[in-house]
Amino acid sequence: MRKTGQVFMLLLLLTLLTACVEGDLKLKINKDGSGEHTVTAGVEKEALNRFGDRAENMMNSVSGELESKGYEVEFYEENGFTGFRAKKEFEDVQELELLPVSGGMTEAGVAPAIGNIPVEMTTEGGLFTTTYKVEAALDLSNSGVIGGMQSLVADQLDFTFTLDLPLKPKSHNADRVDGDELQWDIRTAGETNVMVEMVVPNVKNIIIAAVAGNFLLFLLVFLFKKRKKKND
């Protein structure tokens, strides 16, 4: 996951070269907290041809580093864009760094807002359900990468964050929804706020309550029949 930050560097550098760039970070989360992380980065094919080997070598370099970190990388050409998708499975989403900082970015002093995304998670427990609320703030404008050129690159960078959940969320502020899949447009100028609230059933408590309820019902029926028989 360390090299995901370099994807940002690639996207932003190519954007400054007046190329239209697309990128997406996707998290697919399973019920047990495991899942799959997908990094997509692409640039207009026309622009890639215009910049020649330099841009292509950058794409290959980043995809190669992702491969060395355990990602499965495949290249694509679609809708006038060419780029790659890198996928990697994880065991625990709580240990996942969505936008980790690479060594080069740290040395350049551009790490702050990219590597340290403020994430707040609150949990409200109930007898039969537990409510989880996650809030995060992503601000690329203060990262030092874009500098004072936010307005220049805003129309050229199409960057999104996609979250594929195991359950339908109770509430959210996503820009687009497709079933259990949520997607946010990441702003290059200003802050992007992400909020998701989910209600997860407490299966154990539900089973205990169901068993206890059935037992109580059986006991009441038994006592009723016994009393009726006695009266007869």
C-alpha atoms as a PDB file:
ATOM      1  CA  MET A   1       0.000   0.000   0.000  1.00  0.00           C
ATOM      2  CA  ARG A   2       2.944   2.349   0.412  1.00  0.00           C
ATOM      3  CA  LYS A   3       3.167   3.193  -3.272  1.00  0.00           C
ATOM      4  CA  THR A   4      -0.440   4.294  -3.667  1.00  0.00           C
ATOM      5  CA  GLY A   5       0.716   7.838  -2.905  1.00  0.00           C
ATOM      6  CA  GLN A   6       2.927   7.702  -5.973  1.00  0.00           C
ATOM      7  CA  VAL A   7      -0.172   7.174  -8.073  1.00  0.00           C
ATOM      8  CA  PHE A   8      -1.243  10.642  -6.915  1.00  0.00           C
ATOM      9  CA  MET A   9       2.106  12.016  -8.009  1.00  0.00           C
ATOM     10  CA  LEU A  10       1.701  10.393 -11.395  1.00  0.00           C
ATOM     11  CA  LEU A  11      -1.834  11.683 -11.867  1.00  0.00           C
ATOM     12  CA  LEU A  12      -1.037  15.223 -10.820  1.00  0.00           C
ATOM     13  CA  LEU A  13       2.169  15.453 -12.842  1.00  0.00           C
ATOM     14  CA  LEU A  14       0.429  14.292 -15.981  1.00  0.00           C
ATOM     15  CA  THR A  15      -2.412  16.708 -15.280  1.00  0.00           C
ATOM     16  CA  LEU A  16       0.021  19.627 -15.138  1.00  0.00           C
ATOM     17  CA  LEU A  17       1.181  18.546 -18.568  1.00  0.00           C
ATOM     18  CA  THR A  18      -2.357  19.446 -19.786  1.00  0.00           C
ATOM     19  CA  ALA A  19      -3.537  15.851 -20.096  1.00  0.00           C
ATOM     20  CA  CYS A  20      -6.932  14.714 -18.876  1.00  0.00           C
ATOM     21  CA  VAL A  21      -6.415  12.108 -16.183  1.00  0.00           C
ATOM     22  CA  GLU A  22      -8.766   9.644 -14.478  1.00  0.00           C
ATOM     23  CA  GLY A  23      -8.192   7.852 -11.209  1.00  0.00           C
ATOM     24  CA  ASP A  24     -10.172   5.824  -8.705  1.00  0.00           C
ATOM     25  CA  LEU A  25      -9.489   4.252  -5.329  1.00  0.00           C
ATOM     26  CA  LYS A  26     -11.945   1.456  -4.603  1.00  0.00           C
ATOM     27  CA  LEU A  27     -12.541  -0.501  -1.410  1.00  0.00           C
ATOM     28  CA  LYS A  28     -14.651  -3.634  -1.455  1.00  0.00           C
ATOM     29  CA  ILE A  29     -15.375  -4.691   2.126  1.00  0.00           C
ATOM     30  CA  ASN A  30     -16.744  -8.081   3.144  1.00  0.00           C
ATOM     31  CA  LYS A  31     -18.821  -8.814   6.256  1.00  0.00           C
ATOM     32  CA  ASP A  32     -15.771 -10.135   8.140  1.00  0.00           C
ATOM     33  CA  GLY A  33     -13.755  -6.939   7.511  1.00  0.00           C
ATOM     34  CA  SER A  34     -11.610  -8.398   4.753  1.00  0.00           C
ATOM     35  CA  GLY A  35     -11.824  -7.188   1.170  1.00  0.00           C
ATOM     36  CA  GLU A  36     -10.085  -5.929  -1.920  1.00  0.00           C
ATOM     37  CA  HIS A  37      -8.359  -2.626  -2.700  1.00  0.00           C
ATOM     38  CA  THR A  38      -8.226  -1.445  -6.308  1.00  0.00           C
ATOM     39  CA  VAL A  39      -6.142   1.453  -7.646  1.00  0.00           C
ATOM     40  CA  THR A  40      -7.030   2.706 -11.124  1.00  0.00           C
ATOM     41  CA  ALA A  41      -4.949   5.301 -12.969  1.00  0.00           C
ATOM     42  CA  GLY A  42      -5.341   6.333 -16.594  1.00  0.00           C
ATOM     43  CA  VAL A  43      -4.449   9.146 -18.971  1.00  0.00           C
ATOM     44  CA  GLU A  44      -5.825  10.171 -22.346  1.00  0.00           C
ATOM     45  CA  LYS A  45      -4.277   7.943 -24.972  1.00  0.00           C
ATOM     46  CA  GLU A  46      -3.664  10.966 -27.187  1.00  0.00           C
ATOM     47  CA  ALA A  47      -1.684  12.690 -24.447  1.00  0.00           C
ATOM     48  CA  LEU A  48       0.284   9.537 -23.658  1.00  0.00           C
ATOM     49  CA  ASN A  49       1.346   9.301 -27.287  1.00  0.00           C
ATOM     50  CA  ARG A  50       2.259  12.994 -27.285  1.00  0.00           C
ATOM     51  CA  PHE A  51       4.598  12.694 -24.305  1.00  0.00           C
ATOM     52  CA  GLY A  52       6.150   9.479 -25.628  1.00  0.00           C
ATOM     53  CA  ASP A  53       8.310   7.172 -23.546  1.00  0.00           C
ATOM     54  CA  ARG A  54       8.538   9.469 -20.510  1.00  0.00           C
ATOM     55  CA  ALA A  55       4.854   9.202 -19.578  1.00  0.00           C
ATOM     56  CA  GLU A  56       4.723   5.515 -20.465  1.00  0.00           C
ATOM     57  CA  ASN A  57       7.793   4.788 -18.342  1.00  0.00           C
ATOM     58  CA  MET A  58       6.172   6.574 -15.379  1.00  0.00           C
ATOM     59  CA  MET A  59       3.052   4.447 -15.725  1.00  0.00           C
ATOM     60  CA  ASN A  60       5.134   1.283 -15.949  1.00  0.00           C
ATOM     61  CA  SER A  61       7.270   2.329 -12.975  1.00  0.00           C
ATOM     62  CA  VAL A  62       4.301   2.902 -10.662  1.00  0.00           C
ATOM     63  CA  SER A  63       2.505  -0.254 -11.793  1.00  0.00           C
ATOM     64  CA  GLY A  64       5.737  -2.226 -11.326  1.00  0.00           C
ATOM     65  CA  GLU A  65       6.137  -0.975  -7.753  1.00  0.00           C
ATOM     66  CA  LEU A  66       2.535  -1.880  -6.990  1.00  0.00           C
ATOM     67  CA  GLU A  67       3.189  -5.367  -8.340  1.00  0.00           C
ATOM     68  CA  SER A  68       6.190  -5.699  -6.039  1.00  0.00           C
ATOM     69  CA  LYS A  69       3.858  -4.910  -3.105  1.00  0.00           C
ATOM     70  CA  GLY A  70       1.542  -7.780  -3.934  1.00  0.00           C
ATOM     71  CA  TYR A  71      -0.895  -6.112  -6.305  1.00  0.00           C
ATOM     72  CA  GLU A  72      -2.127  -7.812  -9.446  1.00  0.00           C
ATOM     73  CA  VAL A  73      -1.792  -5.256 -12.229  1.00  0.00           C
ATOM     74  CA  GLU A  74      -3.564  -5.244 -15.564  1.00  0.00           C
ATOM     75  CA  PHE A  75      -3.412  -2.569 -18.255  1.00  0.00           C
ATOM     76  CA  TYR A  76      -6.503  -1.269 -20.019  1.00  0.00           C
ATOM     77  CA  GLU A  77      -7.548   0.850 -22.985  1.00  0.00           C
ATOM     78  CA  GLU A  78     -11.125   2.110 -22.950  1.00  0.00           C
ATOM     79  CA  ASN A  79     -13.097   5.272 -23.705  1.00  0.00           C
ATOM     80  CA  GLY A  80     -10.002   6.984 -25.099  1.00  0.00           C
ATOM     81  CA  PHE A  81      -7.935   6.361 -21.950  1.00  0.00           C
ATOM     82  CA  THR A  82      -5.033   4.025 -21.323  1.00  0.00           C
ATOM     83  CA  GLY A  83      -3.764   3.032 -17.897  1.00  0.00           C
ATOM     84  CA  PHE A  84      -3.730   0.261 -15.314  1.00  0.00           C
ATOM     85  CA  ARG A  85      -5.775  -1.318 -12.534  1.00  0.00           C
ATOM     86  CA  ALA A  86      -3.952  -2.740  -9.535  1.00  0.00           C
ATOM     87  CA  LYS A  87      -5.800  -5.059  -7.140  1.00  0.00           C
ATOM     88  CA  LYS A  88      -4.832  -6.496  -3.790  1.00  0.00           C
ATOM     89  CA  GLU A  89      -6.777  -8.413  -1.146  1.00  0.00           C
ATOM     90  CA  PHE A  90      -6.572  -7.494   2.555  1.00  0.00           C
ATOM     91  CA  GLU A  91      -7.556  -9.295   5.759  1.00  0.00           C
ATOM     92  CA  ASP A  92      -8.588  -6.354   7.962  1.00  0.00           C
ATOM     93  CA  VAL A  93      -9.885  -3.029   6.668  1.00  0.00           C
ATOM     94  CA  GLN A  94      -8.877  -1.308   9.934  1.00  0.00           C
ATOM     95  CA  GLU A  95      -5.218  -1.923   9.091  1.00  0.00           C
ATOM     96  CA  LEU A  96      -5.553  -0.549   5.561  1.00  0.00           C
ATOM     97  CA  GLU A  97      -3.960   2.760   4.579  1.00  0.00           C
ATOM     98  CA  LEU A  98      -6.019   4.217   1.763  1.00  0.00           C
ATOM     99  CA  LEU A  99      -3.504   6.907   0.801  1.00  0.00           C
ATOM    100  CA  PRO A 100      -0.130   6.012   2.323  1.00  0.00           C
ATOM    101  CA  VAL A 101       2.834   8.262   1.660  1.00  0.00           C
ATOM    102  CA  SER A 102       5.823   7.124  -0.384  1.00  0.00           C
ATOM    103  CA  GLY A 103       9.392   7.855   0.659  1.00  0.00           C
ATOM    104  CA  GLY A 104       9.881  10.349  -2.138  1.00  0.00           C
ATOM    105  CA  MET A 105       6.872  12.399  -1.091  1.00  0.00           C
ATOM    106  CA  THR A 106       8.082  12.548   2.501  1.00  0.00           C
ATOM    107  CA  GLU A 107      11.493  13.787   1.419  1.00  0.00           C
ATOM    108  CA  ALA A 108       9.860  16.449  -0.728  1.00  0.00           C
ATOM    109  CA  GLY A 109       7.817  17.673   2.237  1.00  0.00           C
ATOM    110  CA  VAL A 110       4.438  17.085   0.595  1.00  0.00           C
ATOM    111  CA  ALA A 111       3.184  14.357   2.915  1.00  0.00           C
ATOM    112  CA  PRO A 112       0.844  16.058   5.414  1.00  0.00           C
ATOM    113  CA  ALA A 113      -2.701  15.936   4.034  1.00  0.00           C
ATOM    114  CA  ILE A 114      -2.184  12.923   1.822  1.00  0.00           C
ATOM    115  CA  GLY A 115      -0.668  10.558   4.331  1.00  0.00           C
ATOM    116  CA  ASN A 116      -2.679  11.603   7.359  1.00  0.00           C
ATOM    117  CA  ILE A 117      -6.331  11.616   6.412  1.00  0.00           C
ATOM    118  CA  PRO A 118      -8.449  12.404   9.492  1.00  0.00           C
ATOM    119  CA  VAL A 119     -10.816   9.463   9.994  1.00  0.00           C
ATOM    120  CA  GLU A 120     -13.326   9.355  12.842  1.00  0.00           C
ATOM    121  CA  MET A 121     -15.290   6.208  13.650  1.00  0.00           C
ATOM    122  CA  THR A 122     -18.053   6.052  16.240  1.00  0.00           C
ATOM    123  CA  THR A 123     -19.942   2.974  17.422  1.00  0.00           C
ATOM    124  CA  GLU A 124     -23.362   2.889  19.066  1.00  0.00           C
ATOM    125  CA  GLY A 125     -24.296  -0.490  20.483  1.00  0.00           C
ATOM    126  CA  GLY A 126     -27.836  -1.770  20.868  1.00  0.00           C
ATOM    127  CA  LEU A 127     -29.470  -5.024  21.912  1.00  0.00           C
ATOM    128  CA  PHE A 128     -30.142  -6.271  18.393  1.00  0.00           C
ATOM    129  CA  THR A 129     -28.049  -3.923  16.224  1.00  0.00           C
ATOM    130  CA  THR A 130     -24.797  -1.957  16.282  1.00  0.00           C
ATOM    131  CA  THR A 131     -24.526   1.343  14.409  1.00  0.00           C
ATOM    132  CA  TYR A 132     -21.170   2.278  12.879  1.00  0.00           C
ATOM    133  CA  LYS A 133     -20.506   5.791  11.607  1.00  0.00           C
ATOM    134  CA  VAL A 134     -17.325   6.637   9.697  1.00  0.00           C
ATOM    135  CA  GLU A 135     -16.344  10.184   8.726  1.00  0.00           C
ATOM    136  CA  ALA A 136     -13.219  11.198   6.812  1.00  0.00           C
ATOM    137  CA  ALA A 137     -11.891  14.424   5.327  1.00  0.00           C
ATOM    138  CA  LEU A 138      -9.633  14.485   2.285  1.00  0.00           C
ATOM    139  CA  ASP A 139      -8.018  17.790   1.335  1.00  0.00           C
ATOM    140  CA  LEU A 140      -5.622  17.659  -1.611  1.00  0.00           C
ATOM    141  CA  SER A 141      -5.290  21.442  -1.760  1.00  0.00           C
ATOM    142  CA  ASN A 142      -3.262  21.489   1.488  1.00  0.00           C
ATOM    143  CA  SER A 143      -1.087  18.521   0.604  1.00  0.00           C
ATOM    144  CA  GLY A 144       1.658  20.554  -1.035  1.00  0.00           C
ATOM    145  CA  VAL A 145       1.411  18.468  -4.182  1.00  0.00           C
ATOM    146  CA  ILE A 146      -0.957  20.751  -6.065  1.00  0.00           C
ATOM    147  CA  GLY A 147       0.366  23.917  -4.495  1.00  0.00           C
ATOM    148  CA  GLY A 148      -1.486  27.047  -5.645  1.00  0.00           C
ATOM    149  CA  MET A 149      -2.625  25.545  -8.944  1.00  0.00           C
ATOM    150  CA  GLN A 150      -5.874  23.938  -7.790  1.00  0.00           C
ATOM    151  CA  SER A 151      -8.044  25.910 -10.204  1.00  0.00           C
ATOM    152  CA  LEU A 152      -5.723  25.037 -13.088  1.00  0.00           C
ATOM    153  CA  VAL A 153      -5.940  21.274 -12.641  1.00  0.00           C
ATOM    154  CA  ALA A 154      -9.506  20.989 -11.337  1.00  0.00           C
ATOM    155  CA  ASP A 155     -11.070  20.506 -14.775  1.00  0.00           C
ATOM    156  CA  GLN A 156      -8.404  18.030 -15.887  1.00  0.00           C
ATOM    157  CA  LEU A 157      -8.430  15.555 -13.001  1.00  0.00           C
ATOM    158  CA  ASP A 158     -11.328  13.119 -12.678  1.00  0.00           C
ATOM    159  CA  PHE A 159     -10.645  11.394  -9.362  1.00  0.00           C
ATOM    160  CA  THR A 160     -13.102   9.280  -7.384  1.00  0.00           C
ATOM    161  CA  PHE A 161     -13.350   7.129  -4.271  1.00  0.00           C
ATOM    162  CA  THR A 162     -15.579   4.041  -4.486  1.00  0.00           C
ATOM    163  CA  LEU A 163     -16.814   2.031  -1.500  1.00  0.00           C
ATOM    164  CA  ASP A 164     -18.476  -1.366  -1.997  1.00  0.00           C
ATOM    165  CA  LEU A 165     -20.186  -2.402   1.248  1.00  0.00           C
ATOM    166  CA  PRO A 166     -21.567  -5.793   2.363  1.00  0.00           C
ATOM    167  CA  LEU A 167     -24.805  -4.148   3.555  1.00  0.00           C
ATOM    168  CA  LYS A 168     -26.942  -1.244   2.426  1.00  0.00           C
ATOM    169  CA  PRO A 169     -25.888   1.843   4.433  1.00  0.00           C
ATOM    170  CA  LYS A 170     -28.351   3.623   6.683  1.00  0.00           C
ATOM    171  CA  SER A 171     -27.113   7.034   5.534  1.00  0.00           C
ATOM    172  CA  HIS A 172     -24.251   8.547   3.517  1.00  0.00           C
ATOM    173  CA  ASN A 173     -23.196  11.626   1.547  1.00  0.00           C
ATOM    174  CA  ALA A 174     -21.951   9.881  -1.601  1.00  0.00           C
ATOM    175  CA  ASP A 175     -22.333  11.571  -4.981  1.00  0.00           C
ATOM    176  CA  ARG A 176     -23.519   8.374  -6.669  1.00  0.00           C
ATOM    177  CA  VAL A 177     -25.126   5.123  -5.499  1.00  0.00           C
ATOM    178  CA  ASP A 178     -25.412   1.792  -7.277  1.00  0.00           C
ATOM    179  CA  GLY A 179     -26.924  -0.778  -4.921  1.00  0.00           C
ATOM    180  CA  ASP A 180     -24.480  -1.213  -2.016  1.00  0.00           C
ATOM    181  CA  GLU A 181     -21.727   0.636  -3.935  1.00  0.00           C
ATOM    182  CA  LEU A 182     -21.099   4.299  -3.090  1.00  0.00           C
ATOM    183  CA  GLN A 183     -18.908   6.746  -5.009  1.00  0.00           C
ATOM    184  CA  TRP A 184     -17.545  10.188  -4.141  1.00  0.00           C
ATOM    185  CA  ASP A 185     -15.982  12.778  -6.450  1.00  0.00           C
ATOM    186  CA  ILE A 186     -12.681  13.875  -4.905  1.00  0.00           C
ATOM    187  CA  ARG A 187     -12.184  17.627  -5.160  1.00  0.00           C
ATOM    188  CA  THR A 188      -8.746  18.907  -6.136  1.00  0.00           C
ATOM    189  CA  ALA A 189      -9.564  22.336  -4.677  1.00  0.00           C
ATOM    190  CA  GLY A 190     -10.998  22.215  -1.169  1.00  0.00           C
ATOM    191  CA  GLU A 191     -12.052  19.454   1.164  1.00  0.00           C
ATOM    192  CA  THR A 192     -13.981  16.303   0.317  1.00  0.00           C
ATOM    193  CA  ASN A 193     -16.009  14.946   3.227  1.00  0.00           C
ATOM    194  CA  VAL A 194     -16.921  11.271   3.296  1.00  0.00           C
ATOM    195  CA  MET A 195     -19.616   9.968   5.652  1.00  0.00           C
ATOM    196  CA  VAL A 196     -21.131   6.492   5.891  1.00  0.00           C
ATOM    197  CA  GLU A 197     -23.437   5.102   8.572  1.00  0.00           C
ATOM    198  CA  MET A 198     -24.291   1.403   8.738  1.00  0.00           C
ATOM    199  CA  VAL A 199     -26.526  -0.656  10.997  1.00  0.00           C
ATOM    200  CA  VAL A 200     -25.211  -4.185  11.558  1.00  0.00           C
ATOM    201  CA  PRO A 201     -27.436  -6.815  13.184  1.00  0.00           C
ATOM    202  CA  ASN A 202     -26.148  -8.530  16.330  1.00  0.00           C
ATOM    203  CA  VAL A 203     -26.809 -12.069  15.140  1.00  0.00           C
ATOM    204  CA  LYS A 204     -25.852 -13.692  18.447  1.00  0.00           C
ATOM    205  CA  ASN A 205     -28.308 -11.595  20.453  1.00  0.00           C
ATOM    206  CA  ILE A 206     -31.031 -12.136  17.870  1.00  0.00           C
ATOM    207  CA  ILE A 207     -30.581 -15.919  18.062  1.00  0.00           C
ATOM    208  CA  ILE A 208     -30.585 -15.876  21.879  1.00  0.00           C
ATOM    209  CA  ALA A 209     -33.736 -13.743  21.898  1.00  0.00           C
ATOM    210  CA  ALA A 210     -35.428 -16.035  19.369  1.00  0.00           C
ATOM    211  CA  VAL A 211     -34.577 -19.161  21.379  1.00  0.00           C
ATOM    212  CA  ALA A 212     -35.695 -17.519  24.622  1.00  0.00           C
ATOM    213  CA  GLY A 213     -38.913 -16.344  22.968  1.00  0.00           C
ATOM    214  CA  ASN A 214     -39.718 -19.802  21.641  1.00  0.00           C
ATOM    215  CA  PHE A 215     -38.986 -21.363  25.025  1.00  0.00           C
ATOM    216  CA  LEU A 216     -41.221 -18.832  26.764  1.00  0.00           C
ATOM    217  CA  LEU A 217     -44.003 -19.464  24.257  1.00  0.00           C
ATOM    218  CA  PHE A 218     -43.683 -23.230  24.760  1.00  0.00           C
ATOM    219  CA  LEU A 219     -43.770 -22.760  28.540  1.00  0.00           C
ATOM    220  CA  LEU A 220     -46.901 -20.589  28.383  1.00  0.00           C
ATOM    221  CA  VAL A 221     -48.694 -23.085  26.137  1.00  0.00           C
ATOM    222  CA  PHE A 222     -47.678 -25.939  28.443  1.00  0.00           C
ATOM    223  CA  LEU A 223     -48.895 -24.110  31.560  1.00  0.00           C
ATOM    224  CA  PHE A 224     -52.132 -23.112  29.842  1.00  0.00           C
ATOM    225  CA  LYS A 225     -52.883 -26.696  28.797  1.00  0.00           C
ATOM    226  CA  LYS A 226     -51.968 -28.002  32.247  1.00  0.00           C
ATOM    227  CA  ARG A 227     -54.258 -25.498  33.930  1.00  0.00           C
ATOM    228  CA  LYS A 228     -57.073 -26.232  31.520  1.00  0.00           C
ATOM    229  CA  LYS A 229     -56.699 -29.965  32.111  1.00  0.00           C
ATOM    230  CA  LYS A 230     -56.771 -29.407  35.872  1.00  0.00           C
ATOM    231  CA  ASN A 231     -59.949 -27.342  35.643  1.00  0.00           C
ATOM    232  CA  ASP A 232     -61.598 -30.043  33.561  1.00  0.00           C
END
